[in-house]
Amino acid sequence: MKVKLNRWNAVSVWQWGEVQDEVCGICRVAFEGTCPTCRYPGDDCPLVLGVCKHAFHIHCIVKWIDTDSRGSCPMCRQPFQMAME
């Protein structure tokens, strides 16, 4: 028995590597979108993953750390350190 394909439709799904959340813990916007600072999604606003495994838009966490947060993660209050890949 031979099978002939007349048409083929591909579907794919992607997600950010080790990120467990779907939205930024600071601005509550989906990672596929943009932070409030950016106008368009893309490379200008990458995700930052902390050692504590919480992820944020780069602009959001930089602004958070620049405030009087004492450099702590906004989710778990541990000192925020970026995880090295």
N, C-alpha and C. Protein backbone atom coordinates (compact mmCIF):
# COMPACT_ATOMS: atom_id res chain seq x y z
N MET A 1 0.84 -1.16 0.00
CA MET A 1 0.00 0.00 0.00
C MET A 1 0.90 1.24 0.00
N LYS A 2 0.71 2.12 -0.95
CA LYS A 2 1.46 3.36 -1.03
C LYS A 2 0.59 4.51 -0.53
N VAL A 3 1.25 5.46 0.11
CA VAL A 3 0.55 6.64 0.60
C VAL A 3 1.12 7.84 -0.15
N LYS A 4 0.25 8.67 -0.65
CA LYS A 4 0.67 9.88 -1.35
C LYS A 4 0.18 11.08 -0.55
N LEU A 5 1.12 11.95 -0.16
CA LEU A 5 0.75 13.16 0.56
C LEU A 5 0.44 14.26 -0.45
N ASN A 6 -0.74 14.80 -0.36
CA ASN A 6 -1.12 15.90 -1.24
C ASN A 6 -0.76 17.25 -0.64
N ARG A 7 -0.84 17.33 0.67
CA ARG A 7 -0.56 18.59 1.35
C ARG A 7 -0.10 18.29 2.76
N TRP A 8 0.78 19.15 3.27
CA TRP A 8 1.31 18.96 4.61
C TRP A 8 1.36 20.30 5.31
N ASN A 9 0.79 20.40 6.50
CA ASN A 9 0.78 21.62 7.30
C ASN A 9 1.59 21.37 8.57
N ALA A 10 2.62 22.15 8.77
CA ALA A 10 3.47 21.99 9.95
C ALA A 10 3.02 22.95 11.05
N VAL A 11 3.10 22.48 12.27
CA VAL A 11 2.76 23.29 13.43
C VAL A 11 3.92 23.16 14.41
N SER A 12 4.31 24.27 15.02
CA SER A 12 5.38 24.19 16.00
C SER A 12 5.02 25.02 17.23
N VAL A 13 5.66 24.69 18.31
CA VAL A 13 5.46 25.40 19.57
C VAL A 13 6.84 25.63 20.17
N TRP A 14 7.04 26.79 20.78
CA TRP A 14 8.32 27.06 21.42
C TRP A 14 8.06 27.67 22.79
N GLN A 15 9.08 27.62 23.60
CA GLN A 15 9.01 28.26 24.91
C GLN A 15 10.42 28.66 25.32
N TRP A 16 10.51 29.56 26.26
CA TRP A 16 11.80 29.99 26.76
C TRP A 16 12.41 28.85 27.55
N GLY A 17 13.67 28.55 27.33
CA GLY A 17 14.43 27.47 27.96
C GLY A 17 13.97 26.99 29.31
N GLU A 18 14.59 27.47 30.36
CA GLU A 18 14.31 26.98 31.71
C GLU A 18 13.25 27.80 32.44
N VAL A 19 12.60 28.70 31.75
CA VAL A 19 11.62 29.57 32.38
C VAL A 19 10.36 28.78 32.69
N GLN A 20 9.93 28.82 33.95
CA GLN A 20 8.75 28.09 34.37
C GLN A 20 7.48 28.94 34.33
N ASP A 21 7.64 30.25 34.42
CA ASP A 21 6.49 31.15 34.42
C ASP A 21 6.15 31.57 32.99
N GLU A 22 4.95 32.09 32.81
CA GLU A 22 4.52 32.57 31.50
C GLU A 22 4.52 34.09 31.42
N VAL A 23 4.54 34.75 32.58
CA VAL A 23 4.51 36.21 32.61
C VAL A 23 5.64 36.74 33.49
N CYS A 24 6.04 37.96 33.22
CA CYS A 24 7.06 38.64 34.03
C CYS A 24 6.49 38.89 35.43
N GLY A 25 7.26 38.59 36.45
CA GLY A 25 6.80 38.76 37.82
C GLY A 25 6.67 40.21 38.25
N ILE A 26 7.20 41.14 37.46
CA ILE A 26 7.13 42.55 37.82
C ILE A 26 6.01 43.26 37.07
N CYS A 27 6.03 43.18 35.73
CA CYS A 27 5.03 43.92 34.95
C CYS A 27 3.79 43.07 34.61
N ARG A 28 3.86 41.75 34.85
CA ARG A 28 2.76 40.82 34.61
C ARG A 28 2.35 40.73 33.14
N VAL A 29 3.28 41.01 32.23
CA VAL A 29 3.06 40.88 30.79
C VAL A 29 3.71 39.58 30.34
N ALA A 30 3.08 38.89 29.41
CA ALA A 30 3.63 37.62 28.91
C ALA A 30 5.01 37.83 28.31
N PHE A 31 5.87 36.83 28.45
CA PHE A 31 7.22 36.91 27.92
C PHE A 31 7.25 37.01 26.41
N GLU A 32 6.23 36.51 25.73
CA GLU A 32 6.17 36.62 24.28
C GLU A 32 5.87 38.05 23.85
N GLY A 33 5.34 38.84 24.76
CA GLY A 33 5.04 40.24 24.48
C GLY A 33 6.24 41.11 24.81
N THR A 34 5.97 42.35 25.11
CA THR A 34 7.05 43.27 25.47
C THR A 34 6.79 43.85 26.84
N CYS A 35 7.86 44.31 27.45
CA CYS A 35 7.70 44.99 28.73
C CYS A 35 7.12 46.38 28.46
N PRO A 36 6.67 47.09 29.48
CA PRO A 36 6.09 48.42 29.27
C PRO A 36 7.06 49.43 28.64
N THR A 37 8.37 49.19 28.75
CA THR A 37 9.36 50.10 28.18
C THR A 37 9.49 49.94 26.67
N CYS A 38 9.34 48.72 26.16
CA CYS A 38 9.56 48.42 24.73
C CYS A 38 8.29 48.59 23.91
N ARG A 39 8.48 48.87 22.63
CA ARG A 39 7.34 49.01 21.72
C ARG A 39 7.10 47.73 20.93
N TYR A 40 8.18 47.02 20.57
CA TYR A 40 8.06 45.84 19.73
C TYR A 40 8.81 44.67 20.37
N PRO A 41 8.27 43.45 20.26
CA PRO A 41 9.01 42.30 20.79
C PRO A 41 10.27 42.04 19.98
N GLY A 42 11.25 41.49 20.61
CA GLY A 42 12.49 41.18 19.89
C GLY A 42 13.68 41.09 20.81
N ASP A 43 14.84 41.26 20.23
CA ASP A 43 16.08 41.09 20.97
C ASP A 43 16.40 42.24 21.92
N ASP A 44 15.69 43.34 21.82
CA ASP A 44 15.98 44.48 22.68
C ASP A 44 15.52 44.27 24.12
N CYS A 45 14.71 43.26 24.35
CA CYS A 45 14.20 43.01 25.69
C CYS A 45 14.27 41.51 26.02
N PRO A 46 15.49 41.00 26.23
CA PRO A 46 15.61 39.57 26.53
C PRO A 46 15.15 39.26 27.95
N LEU A 47 14.98 38.00 28.23
CA LEU A 47 14.62 37.55 29.57
C LEU A 47 15.87 37.39 30.41
N VAL A 48 15.71 37.62 31.69
CA VAL A 48 16.79 37.41 32.64
C VAL A 48 16.31 36.37 33.63
N LEU A 49 17.08 35.32 33.79
CA LEU A 49 16.75 34.25 34.72
C LEU A 49 17.69 34.36 35.92
N GLY A 50 17.10 34.37 37.10
CA GLY A 50 17.90 34.46 38.31
C GLY A 50 18.31 33.10 38.82
N VAL A 51 19.25 33.07 39.73
CA VAL A 51 19.68 31.83 40.36
C VAL A 51 18.49 31.18 41.06
N CYS A 52 17.56 31.99 41.52
CA CYS A 52 16.37 31.50 42.21
C CYS A 52 15.32 30.94 41.24
N LYS A 53 15.62 30.94 39.92
CA LYS A 53 14.76 30.41 38.86
C LYS A 53 13.57 31.29 38.53
N HIS A 54 13.54 32.53 39.00
CA HIS A 54 12.50 33.48 38.60
C HIS A 54 13.00 34.26 37.39
N ALA A 55 12.10 34.52 36.44
CA ALA A 55 12.47 35.20 35.20
C ALA A 55 11.74 36.52 35.07
N PHE A 56 12.41 37.48 34.44
CA PHE A 56 11.87 38.83 34.26
C PHE A 56 12.36 39.39 32.94
N HIS A 57 11.65 40.40 32.42
CA HIS A 57 12.19 41.17 31.30
C HIS A 57 13.40 41.93 31.83
N ILE A 58 14.41 42.10 31.00
CA ILE A 58 15.63 42.79 31.45
C ILE A 58 15.34 44.21 31.93
N HIS A 59 14.47 44.93 31.21
CA HIS A 59 14.17 46.30 31.61
C HIS A 59 13.44 46.35 32.96
N CYS A 60 12.58 45.38 33.19
CA CYS A 60 11.82 45.35 34.45
C CYS A 60 12.73 45.09 35.65
N ILE A 61 13.62 44.10 35.54
CA ILE A 61 14.47 43.78 36.69
C ILE A 61 15.52 44.85 36.94
N VAL A 62 16.02 45.49 35.88
CA VAL A 62 16.99 46.58 36.07
C VAL A 62 16.33 47.74 36.80
N LYS A 63 15.11 48.07 36.38
CA LYS A 63 14.38 49.15 37.04
C LYS A 63 14.07 48.77 38.50
N TRP A 64 13.72 47.51 38.74
CA TRP A 64 13.42 47.05 40.08
C TRP A 64 14.64 47.15 40.99
N ILE A 65 15.79 46.73 40.49
CA ILE A 65 17.00 46.75 41.30
C ILE A 65 17.48 48.18 41.55
N ASP A 66 17.21 49.08 40.59
CA ASP A 66 17.60 50.49 40.76
C ASP A 66 16.74 51.20 41.81
N THR A 67 15.56 50.67 42.10
CA THR A 67 14.72 51.27 43.15
C THR A 67 15.26 50.83 44.51
N ASP A 68 14.55 51.12 45.53
CA ASP A 68 14.99 50.78 46.89
C ASP A 68 14.63 49.34 47.23
N SER A 69 15.00 48.39 46.38
CA SER A 69 14.67 46.99 46.61
C SER A 69 15.80 46.23 47.30
N ARG A 70 16.91 46.91 47.51
CA ARG A 70 18.10 46.30 48.13
C ARG A 70 18.63 45.12 47.31
N GLY A 71 18.34 45.13 46.01
CA GLY A 71 18.86 44.10 45.12
C GLY A 71 18.24 42.74 45.28
N SER A 72 17.02 42.70 45.81
CA SER A 72 16.38 41.40 46.05
C SER A 72 15.42 41.03 44.92
N CYS A 73 15.18 39.74 44.78
CA CYS A 73 14.22 39.24 43.79
C CYS A 73 12.82 39.67 44.21
N PRO A 74 12.01 40.20 43.30
CA PRO A 74 10.67 40.64 43.69
C PRO A 74 9.73 39.49 44.03
N MET A 75 10.09 38.28 43.69
CA MET A 75 9.21 37.14 43.96
C MET A 75 9.54 36.45 45.29
N CYS A 76 10.83 36.21 45.55
CA CYS A 76 11.19 35.45 46.75
C CYS A 76 12.03 36.24 47.75
N ARG A 77 12.41 37.48 47.40
CA ARG A 77 13.16 38.39 48.27
C ARG A 77 14.58 37.94 48.58
N GLN A 78 15.09 36.93 47.86
CA GLN A 78 16.50 36.57 47.99
C GLN A 78 17.32 37.58 47.22
N PRO A 79 18.60 37.73 47.55
CA PRO A 79 19.43 38.62 46.73
C PRO A 79 19.42 38.14 45.28
N PHE A 80 19.11 39.03 44.35
CA PHE A 80 18.97 38.63 42.95
C PHE A 80 20.33 38.55 42.28
N GLN A 81 20.61 37.37 41.74
CA GLN A 81 21.81 37.14 40.95
C GLN A 81 21.39 36.47 39.66
N MET A 82 21.95 36.95 38.54
CA MET A 82 21.62 36.35 37.26
C MET A 82 22.25 34.97 37.16
N ALA A 83 21.48 34.03 36.63
CA ALA A 83 21.99 32.67 36.43
C ALA A 83 22.84 32.66 35.16
N MET A 84 23.97 32.06 35.23
CA MET A 84 24.84 31.95 34.06
C MET A 84 24.52 30.64 33.35
N GLU A 85 24.39 30.74 32.04
CA GLU A 85 24.06 29.53 31.26
C GLU A 85 25.29 28.82 30.82
